[in-house]
Amino acid sequence: MYIEPDKPSLYVTLKIVPEPRVWVG
């Protein structure tokens, strides 16, 4: 599990844990 530059990491996290909190924070 690696962290990407900006939004990509957000998308990856969203795929792993689909929650509104991920989008907000």
PDB file of N, CA and C in Angstrom:
ATOM      1  N   MET A   1       0.855  -1.205   0.000  1.00  0.00           N
ATOM      2  CA  MET A   1       0.000   0.000   0.000  1.00  0.00           C
ATOM      3  C   MET A   1       0.886   1.249   0.000  1.00  0.00           C
ATOM      4  N   TYR A   2       0.900   1.971  -1.097  1.00  0.00           N
ATOM      5  CA  TYR A   2       1.711   3.187  -1.174  1.00  0.00           C
ATOM      6  C   TYR A   2       0.829   4.408  -1.389  1.00  0.00           C
ATOM      7  N   ILE A   3       1.330   5.582  -0.941  1.00  0.00           N
ATOM      8  CA  ILE A   3       0.559   6.832  -1.058  1.00  0.00           C
ATOM      9  C   ILE A   3       0.961   7.587  -2.325  1.00  0.00           C
ATOM     10  N   GLU A   4      -0.020   7.993  -3.097  1.00  0.00           N
ATOM     11  CA  GLU A   4       0.266   8.714  -4.343  1.00  0.00           C
ATOM     12  C   GLU A   4       0.336  10.223  -4.078  1.00  0.00           C
ATOM     13  N   PRO A   5       0.767  10.992  -5.060  1.00  0.00           N
ATOM     14  CA  PRO A   5       0.921  12.451  -4.959  1.00  0.00           C
ATOM     15  C   PRO A   5      -0.268  13.163  -4.311  1.00  0.00           C
ATOM     16  N   ASP A   6      -1.371  13.319  -5.052  1.00  0.00           N
ATOM     17  CA  ASP A   6      -2.492  14.119  -4.519  1.00  0.00           C
ATOM     18  C   ASP A   6      -3.802  13.337  -4.552  1.00  0.00           C
ATOM     19  N   LYS A   7      -4.650  13.635  -5.536  1.00  0.00           N
ATOM     20  CA  LYS A   7      -5.968  13.007  -5.612  1.00  0.00           C
ATOM     21  C   LYS A   7      -5.886  11.478  -5.751  1.00  0.00           C
ATOM     22  N   PRO A   8      -4.946  10.954  -6.512  1.00  0.00           N
ATOM     23  CA  PRO A   8      -4.855   9.497  -6.702  1.00  0.00           C
ATOM     24  C   PRO A   8      -4.962   8.749  -5.375  1.00  0.00           C
ATOM     25  N   SER A   9      -4.244   9.234  -4.371  1.00  0.00           N
ATOM     26  CA  SER A   9      -4.280   8.560  -3.069  1.00  0.00           C
ATOM     27  C   SER A   9      -5.698   8.592  -2.514  1.00  0.00           C
ATOM     28  N   LEU A  10      -6.379   9.722  -2.735  1.00  0.00           N
ATOM     29  CA  LEU A  10      -7.764   9.858  -2.264  1.00  0.00           C
ATOM     30  C   LEU A  10      -8.636   8.790  -2.915  1.00  0.00           C
ATOM     31  N   TYR A  11      -8.458   8.595  -4.232  1.00  0.00           N
ATOM     32  CA  TYR A  11      -9.256   7.600  -4.960  1.00  0.00           C
ATOM     33  C   TYR A  11      -8.966   6.203  -4.439  1.00  0.00           C
ATOM     34  N   VAL A  12      -7.684   5.919  -4.203  1.00  0.00           N
ATOM     35  CA  VAL A  12      -7.304   4.589  -3.702  1.00  0.00           C
ATOM     36  C   VAL A  12      -7.928   4.342  -2.340  1.00  0.00           C
ATOM     37  N   THR A  13      -7.841   5.352  -1.475  1.00  0.00           N
ATOM     38  CA  THR A  13      -8.423   5.210  -0.134  1.00  0.00           C
ATOM     39  C   THR A  13      -9.931   5.013  -0.233  1.00  0.00           C
ATOM     40  N   LEU A  14     -10.554   5.736  -1.156  1.00  0.00           N
ATOM     41  CA  LEU A  14     -11.999   5.634  -1.309  1.00  0.00           C
ATOM     42  C   LEU A  14     -12.378   4.220  -1.741  1.00  0.00           C
ATOM     43  N   LYS A  15     -11.551   3.628  -2.622  1.00  0.00           N
ATOM     44  CA  LYS A  15     -11.829   2.260  -3.088  1.00  0.00           C
ATOM     45  C   LYS A  15     -11.687   1.280  -1.937  1.00  0.00           C
ATOM     46  N   ILE A  16     -10.714   1.527  -1.052  1.00  0.00           N
ATOM     47  CA  ILE A  16     -10.506   0.613   0.072  1.00  0.00           C
ATOM     48  C   ILE A  16     -11.585   0.834   1.135  1.00  0.00           C
ATOM     49  N   VAL A  17     -11.840   2.105   1.465  1.00  0.00           N
ATOM     50  CA  VAL A  17     -12.845   2.431   2.486  1.00  0.00           C
ATOM     51  C   VAL A  17     -13.805   3.477   1.929  1.00  0.00           C
ATOM     52  N   PRO A  18     -14.858   3.037   1.221  1.00  0.00           N
ATOM     53  CA  PRO A  18     -15.840   3.941   0.624  1.00  0.00           C
ATOM     54  C   PRO A  18     -16.671   4.664   1.671  1.00  0.00           C
ATOM     55  N   GLU A  19     -16.178   5.820   2.117  1.00  0.00           N
ATOM     56  CA  GLU A  19     -16.925   6.610   3.114  1.00  0.00           C
ATOM     57  C   GLU A  19     -16.849   8.086   2.767  1.00  0.00           C
ATOM     58  N   PRO A  20     -17.888   8.834   3.100  1.00  0.00           N
ATOM     59  CA  PRO A  20     -17.925  10.273   2.831  1.00  0.00           C
ATOM     60  C   PRO A  20     -16.803  11.004   3.570  1.00  0.00           C
ATOM     61  N   ARG A  21     -16.383  10.444   4.701  1.00  0.00           N
ATOM     62  CA  ARG A  21     -15.323  11.077   5.494  1.00  0.00           C
ATOM     63  C   ARG A  21     -14.041  11.173   4.663  1.00  0.00           C
ATOM     64  N   VAL A  22     -13.771  10.146   3.875  1.00  0.00           N
ATOM     65  CA  VAL A  22     -12.545  10.137   3.067  1.00  0.00           C
ATOM     66  C   VAL A  22     -12.570  11.299   2.080  1.00  0.00           C
ATOM     67  N   TRP A  23     -13.764  11.544   1.526  1.00  0.00           N
ATOM     68  CA  TRP A  23     -13.888  12.628   0.541  1.00  0.00           C
ATOM     69  C   TRP A  23     -13.727  13.987   1.207  1.00  0.00           C
ATOM     70  N   VAL A  24     -14.347  14.119   2.399  1.00  0.00           N
ATOM     71  CA  VAL A  24     -14.298  15.405   3.110  1.00  0.00           C
ATOM     72  C   VAL A  24     -12.895  15.657   3.653  1.00  0.00           C
ATOM     73  N   GLY A  25     -12.321  14.641   4.308  1.00  0.00           N
ATOM     74  CA  GLY A  25     -11.018  14.811   4.915  1.00  0.00           C
ATOM     75  C   GLY A  25      -9.957  14.165   4.094  1.00  0.00           C
TER      76      GLY A  25
END
